[in-house]
Amino acid sequence: MPRGLLLGQYTFAEGPADLGRAEPVRETALRELFGEHRTLVVYHLMFHPDDDEACPMCSMWVDGFRGVAHHLAQHTGFAVIGKAPLPKLRAWAARRGWSGLRILSSHNTSFNADLNAERPDGDQRPMISVFTAEGDAVRHFYSLPANFLDDSQRGIDLLSPVWNVLDLLPGGRGEWYAGNDYA
Protein backbone atom coordinates (compact mmCIF):
# COMPACT_ATOMS: atom_id res chain seq x y z
CA MET A 1 0.00 0.00 0.00
CA PRO A 2 1.52 3.34 -0.98
CA ARG A 3 2.60 5.64 1.82
CA GLY A 4 0.11 8.38 2.58
CA LEU A 5 -2.81 6.60 0.96
CA LEU A 6 -6.07 7.76 2.47
CA LEU A 7 -7.80 4.70 3.90
CA GLY A 8 -11.44 3.81 3.68
CA GLN A 9 -13.51 3.13 6.74
CA TYR A 10 -12.37 -0.21 8.18
CA THR A 11 -14.16 -1.63 11.19
CA PHE A 12 -13.08 -4.50 13.40
CA ALA A 13 -14.78 -6.72 15.97
CA GLU A 14 -13.61 -5.87 19.49
CA GLY A 15 -14.63 -7.32 22.83
CA PRO A 16 -14.42 -5.85 26.33
CA ALA A 17 -11.08 -4.93 27.89
CA ASP A 18 -11.50 -7.84 30.34
CA LEU A 19 -10.40 -10.89 28.32
CA GLY A 20 -12.43 -13.11 30.65
CA ARG A 21 -15.69 -11.62 29.32
CA ALA A 22 -17.02 -12.42 25.85
CA GLU A 23 -19.63 -9.68 25.65
CA PRO A 24 -20.34 -7.05 24.58
CA VAL A 25 -18.76 -7.21 21.14
CA ARG A 26 -18.72 -3.99 19.19
CA GLU A 27 -17.57 -2.77 15.82
CA THR A 28 -14.60 -0.43 16.23
CA ALA A 29 -13.51 1.88 13.43
CA LEU A 30 -9.83 2.18 12.56
CA ARG A 31 -9.94 5.87 13.50
CA GLU A 32 -11.14 5.00 17.03
CA LEU A 33 -7.97 3.02 17.71
CA PHE A 34 -5.91 6.22 17.77
CA GLY A 35 -7.59 7.43 20.94
CA GLU A 36 -6.20 10.89 21.69
CA HIS A 37 -3.11 10.36 19.52
CA ARG A 38 -2.33 11.36 15.95
CA THR A 39 -0.53 8.07 15.29
CA LEU A 40 -1.44 4.41 15.54
CA VAL A 41 0.78 1.32 15.48
CA VAL A 42 -0.85 -1.96 14.47
CA TYR A 43 0.74 -5.36 14.84
CA HIS A 44 -0.75 -7.73 12.26
CA LEU A 45 -0.95 -11.04 14.15
CA MET A 46 -0.62 -14.16 11.99
CA PHE A 47 -3.71 -16.08 13.02
CA HIS A 48 -5.54 -17.70 10.11
CA PRO A 49 -9.30 -18.12 10.66
CA ASP A 50 -8.99 -21.92 10.33
CA ASP A 51 -6.18 -22.23 12.90
CA ASP A 52 -6.60 -22.82 16.62
CA GLU A 53 -3.45 -20.95 17.63
CA ALA A 54 -1.63 -17.86 16.45
CA CYS A 55 1.82 -18.09 14.96
CA PRO A 56 4.32 -18.91 17.75
CA MET A 57 6.73 -16.17 16.71
CA CYS A 58 3.93 -13.60 16.42
CA SER A 59 2.80 -14.61 19.88
CA MET A 60 6.31 -13.97 21.19
CA TRP A 61 6.23 -10.52 19.59
CA VAL A 62 2.92 -9.65 21.22
CA ASP A 63 4.23 -10.95 24.57
CA GLY A 64 6.94 -8.30 24.25
CA PHE A 65 4.53 -5.56 23.18
CA ARG A 66 2.37 -6.41 26.19
CA GLY A 67 5.29 -5.54 28.43
CA VAL A 68 5.76 -2.07 26.93
CA ALA A 69 2.15 -1.20 26.09
CA HIS A 70 1.85 1.28 28.96
CA HIS A 71 4.88 3.17 27.64
CA LEU A 72 3.59 3.14 24.07
CA ALA A 73 0.20 4.46 25.21
CA GLN A 74 1.87 7.70 26.28
CA HIS A 75 2.84 8.40 22.67
CA THR A 76 0.66 6.45 20.24
CA GLY A 77 -2.37 4.25 19.83
CA PHE A 78 -1.48 0.55 19.67
CA ALA A 79 -3.55 -2.45 18.62
CA VAL A 80 -3.12 -6.10 17.68
CA ILE A 81 -5.29 -7.12 14.74
CA GLY A 82 -5.68 -10.70 13.55
CA LYS A 83 -7.75 -12.35 10.82
CA ALA A 84 -9.15 -15.12 13.06
CA PRO A 85 -12.68 -14.69 14.42
CA LEU A 86 -12.84 -12.64 17.62
CA PRO A 87 -13.62 -15.54 20.01
CA LYS A 88 -10.47 -17.39 18.87
CA LEU A 89 -8.36 -14.24 19.17
CA ARG A 90 -9.63 -13.45 22.65
CA ALA A 91 -9.18 -17.03 23.88
CA TRP A 92 -5.61 -16.98 22.61
CA ALA A 93 -4.97 -13.56 24.15
CA ALA A 94 -6.32 -14.77 27.51
CA ARG A 95 -4.13 -17.87 27.38
CA ARG A 96 -1.08 -15.70 26.70
CA GLY A 97 -1.95 -13.09 29.34
CA TRP A 98 -2.33 -10.19 26.92
CA SER A 99 -4.47 -8.08 29.22
CA GLY A 100 -4.18 -4.38 28.59
CA LEU A 101 -3.81 -4.76 24.82
CA ARG A 102 -6.49 -3.96 22.26
CA ILE A 103 -7.12 -7.23 20.44
CA LEU A 104 -9.32 -6.91 17.36
CA SER A 105 -10.51 -9.19 14.58
CA SER A 106 -10.36 -8.25 10.91
CA HIS A 107 -12.31 -11.41 10.02
CA ASN A 108 -14.57 -10.86 6.99
CA THR A 109 -12.76 -7.64 6.02
CA SER A 110 -10.18 -6.83 3.35
CA PHE A 111 -7.93 -5.00 5.83
CA ASN A 112 -5.16 -7.64 5.92
CA ALA A 113 -5.13 -8.12 2.14
CA ASP A 114 -5.26 -4.37 1.48
CA LEU A 115 -2.17 -3.85 3.64
CA ASN A 116 -0.35 -6.88 2.21
CA ALA A 117 -0.49 -8.62 5.60
CA GLU A 118 -2.33 -11.41 3.82
CA ARG A 119 -1.19 -13.07 0.62
CA PRO A 120 -3.62 -13.86 -2.20
CA ASP A 121 -3.77 -17.52 -1.04
CA GLY A 122 -4.89 -16.40 2.44
CA ASP A 123 -1.54 -16.95 4.18
CA GLN A 124 -0.96 -14.33 6.85
CA ARG A 125 2.19 -12.18 7.13
CA PRO A 126 3.51 -10.74 10.38
CA MET A 127 3.83 -7.02 10.02
CA ILE A 128 3.86 -3.66 11.75
CA SER A 129 1.87 -0.79 10.24
CA VAL A 130 1.86 2.84 11.24
CA PHE A 131 -1.05 5.16 10.50
CA THR A 132 -1.59 8.88 10.97
CA ALA A 133 -4.83 10.74 11.63
CA GLU A 134 -5.82 14.12 10.29
CA GLY A 135 -9.21 14.93 11.76
CA ASP A 136 -11.43 11.98 10.80
CA ALA A 137 -9.13 10.91 7.96
CA VAL A 138 -6.66 8.03 8.40
CA ARG A 139 -3.56 7.70 6.27
CA HIS A 140 -1.22 4.76 5.91
CA PHE A 141 2.27 5.96 6.87
CA TYR A 142 4.18 2.69 6.33
CA SER A 143 4.22 -1.05 6.90
CA LEU A 144 7.19 -3.26 7.60
CA PRO A 145 6.90 -7.05 7.41
CA ALA A 146 8.76 -9.40 9.73
CA ASN A 147 9.33 -11.78 6.86
CA PHE A 148 9.76 -10.42 3.39
CA LEU A 149 8.00 -11.73 0.27
CA ASP A 150 10.91 -14.10 -0.40
CA ASP A 151 10.41 -15.43 3.18
CA SER A 152 13.75 -14.06 4.38
CA GLN A 153 13.25 -12.79 7.90
CA ARG A 154 14.46 -10.12 10.34
CA GLY A 155 12.40 -7.23 8.97
CA ILE A 156 11.29 -6.02 12.39
CA ASP A 157 13.72 -7.82 14.70
CA LEU A 158 14.85 -4.60 16.36
CA LEU A 159 11.38 -4.35 17.94
CA SER A 160 11.80 -7.61 19.88
CA PRO A 161 13.70 -7.68 23.16
CA VAL A 162 14.06 -11.47 22.80
CA TRP A 163 16.06 -11.18 19.58
CA ASN A 164 18.12 -8.30 20.92
CA VAL A 165 19.18 -10.25 24.01
CA LEU A 166 19.81 -13.53 22.17
CA ASP A 167 21.93 -11.70 19.61
CA LEU A 168 24.23 -10.63 22.48
CA LEU A 169 25.11 -14.25 23.27
CA PRO A 170 28.34 -15.74 21.92
CA GLY A 171 26.34 -18.16 19.75
CA GLY A 172 23.66 -15.65 18.88
CA ARG A 173 20.10 -16.87 18.45
CA GLY A 174 21.12 -19.99 16.55
CA GLU A 175 18.25 -21.96 15.08
CA TRP A 176 15.88 -21.28 17.99
CA TYR A 177 12.28 -20.54 17.08
CA ALA A 178 9.58 -19.58 19.54
CA GLY A 179 6.98 -22.21 20.44
CA ASN A 180 3.42 -22.01 21.65
CA ASP A 181 4.16 -24.06 24.76
CA TYR A 182 4.04 -20.86 26.80
CA ALA A 183 1.82 -21.34 29.85
Foldseek 3Di string as FASTA:
>chain_A
DDAFDWDDWAWWWFADLPLVDRDDIDIHTPLVLFPVAQKEKEKEWFDFQVDLATDQQSLLLLLQCLVCVVVVVVHTGYAYEYAHPPVSQSVRCVVSVSRPHTYTHSHPHCVCVVQVQADPVGGGWTKMWMWGDDPSIITTRDMWTQADPVRRGRRPVVSHPVQVVQCVDPVRPPPDDGDPPRD
